[in-house]
Amino acid sequence: MRQPSCSGTVFIYSGRPDPEWLVAPGQLRLLRELWERLPPSDTPPRRAPLLGYRGCGVRCASGEEWFAYEGIASLTRRPHRPDHRRDVERRFERQILKSAPPGTIPEAVRSAAKL
């Protein structure tokens, strides 16, 4: 079975496009495995500041969309409501960022996000 194409994004800019990249099938498999191990959360990710690091995500052609920010990860499968999970150690969030090719995400962003 062919994996759906997915792109990763780190939300850092205001007024210009955020960095995007294709997520390799192996990285996508790892993200799915991490997702399945995360415990449920009743709360969505908190609202991010207007400037600076505002989380990261993966969007797939299949319609699945993940978003992670400061210890909460969400998965939306349209038309359903988002499913939220606790990512206290931010492993899921870090894995999304690790899926980016070298140089895609400025090092200052990784430092500011404490990842």
Protein backbone atom coordinates (compact mmCIF):
# COMPACT_ATOMS: atom_id res chain seq x y z
CA MET A 1 0.00 0.00 0.00
CA ARG A 2 1.38 3.41 -0.96
CA GLN A 3 1.79 5.93 1.87
CA PRO A 4 -0.07 9.22 1.39
CA SER A 5 2.16 12.20 0.73
CA CYS A 6 2.52 14.38 3.80
CA SER A 7 4.18 17.70 4.40
CA GLY A 8 5.56 19.08 7.63
CA THR A 9 5.42 22.73 8.67
CA VAL A 10 6.94 24.72 11.49
CA PHE A 11 4.89 27.80 12.32
CA ILE A 12 7.37 30.61 12.96
CA TYR A 13 6.81 33.49 10.58
CA SER A 14 4.32 36.29 10.29
CA GLY A 15 3.98 37.79 6.84
CA ARG A 16 6.02 35.22 4.93
CA PRO A 17 5.65 31.48 4.24
CA ASP A 18 6.57 29.08 7.04
CA PRO A 19 9.17 26.37 6.30
CA GLU A 20 7.62 23.24 4.76
CA TRP A 21 9.05 19.87 3.75
CA LEU A 22 7.93 16.43 2.62
CA VAL A 23 7.73 13.88 5.44
CA ALA A 24 9.35 10.58 4.50
CA PRO A 25 7.22 7.40 4.86
CA GLY A 26 9.48 6.07 7.63
CA GLN A 27 9.09 9.30 9.60
CA LEU A 28 5.32 9.16 9.12
CA ARG A 29 5.25 5.58 10.46
CA LEU A 30 7.22 6.70 13.51
CA LEU A 31 4.85 9.62 14.10
CA ARG A 32 1.84 7.28 13.93
CA GLU A 33 3.47 4.91 16.44
CA LEU A 34 4.24 7.79 18.82
CA TRP A 35 0.70 9.11 18.44
CA GLU A 36 -0.83 5.76 19.42
CA ARG A 37 1.19 5.74 22.67
CA LEU A 38 0.18 9.25 23.78
CA PRO A 39 -2.49 9.42 26.52
CA PRO A 40 -5.76 11.30 25.78
CA SER A 41 -6.20 14.94 26.73
CA ASP A 42 -9.42 16.86 27.32
CA THR A 43 -7.80 20.13 26.33
CA PRO A 44 -6.52 21.37 22.97
CA PRO A 45 -3.11 23.02 22.57
CA ARG A 46 -2.95 26.43 24.22
CA ARG A 47 -3.12 29.51 22.05
CA ALA A 48 0.33 30.40 20.73
CA PRO A 49 1.81 33.91 20.74
CA LEU A 50 1.47 35.99 17.60
CA LEU A 51 5.23 36.10 17.03
CA GLY A 52 7.91 33.42 17.23
CA TYR A 53 7.50 29.66 17.41
CA ARG A 54 3.82 28.66 17.29
CA GLY A 55 4.04 24.89 16.98
CA CYS A 56 4.49 22.43 14.14
CA GLY A 57 2.33 20.13 12.13
CA VAL A 58 1.97 17.49 9.45
CA ARG A 59 -0.71 17.57 6.77
CA CYS A 60 -1.37 14.51 4.60
CA ALA A 61 -3.16 14.16 1.27
CA SER A 62 -5.41 11.63 3.06
CA GLY A 63 -6.92 14.51 5.08
CA GLU A 64 -5.12 13.75 8.34
CA GLU A 65 -3.63 16.78 10.08
CA TRP A 66 -1.44 16.69 13.19
CA PHE A 67 -0.50 19.75 15.23
CA ALA A 68 1.79 19.86 18.27
CA TYR A 69 2.60 22.69 20.63
CA GLU A 70 3.89 22.82 24.21
CA GLY A 71 2.87 19.38 25.42
CA ILE A 72 -0.38 18.81 23.54
CA ALA A 73 -0.75 17.11 20.16
CA SER A 74 -3.91 17.04 18.06
CA LEU A 75 -5.06 14.93 15.14
CA THR A 76 -7.88 16.04 12.89
CA ARG A 77 -9.49 13.66 10.43
CA ARG A 78 -12.05 15.72 8.57
CA PRO A 79 -15.03 15.92 9.07
CA HIS A 80 -14.49 14.68 12.65
CA ARG A 81 -13.53 16.78 15.64
CA PRO A 82 -9.84 16.88 16.65
CA ASP A 83 -8.49 14.20 18.96
CA HIS A 84 -6.11 15.67 21.57
CA ARG A 85 -3.30 13.81 23.31
CA ARG A 86 -0.82 14.74 26.03
CA ASP A 87 2.75 15.02 24.79
CA VAL A 88 4.29 16.07 28.10
CA GLU A 89 7.85 15.17 27.06
CA ARG A 90 7.19 16.75 23.65
CA ARG A 91 8.48 13.64 21.87
CA PHE A 92 5.80 13.86 19.17
CA GLU A 93 6.51 17.56 18.63
CA ARG A 94 10.27 16.95 18.43
CA GLN A 95 9.76 14.09 15.98
CA ILE A 96 7.83 16.33 13.61
CA LEU A 97 10.69 18.82 13.71
CA LYS A 98 13.26 16.02 13.25
CA SER A 99 11.51 15.03 10.03
CA ALA A 100 12.66 18.31 8.44
CA PRO A 101 15.78 18.18 6.27
CA PRO A 102 18.87 19.84 7.79
CA GLY A 103 18.80 23.62 7.47
CA THR A 104 15.03 23.84 7.02
CA ILE A 105 14.36 25.06 10.57
CA PRO A 106 16.58 27.86 11.89
CA GLU A 107 18.58 26.76 14.95
CA ALA A 108 17.41 29.87 16.82
CA VAL A 109 13.84 28.54 16.50
CA ARG A 110 14.76 25.16 18.01
CA SER A 111 16.46 26.94 20.90
CA ALA A 112 13.56 29.33 21.49
CA ALA A 113 11.08 26.43 21.43
CA LYS A 114 13.25 24.57 23.97
CA LEU A 115 13.29 21.52 21.75
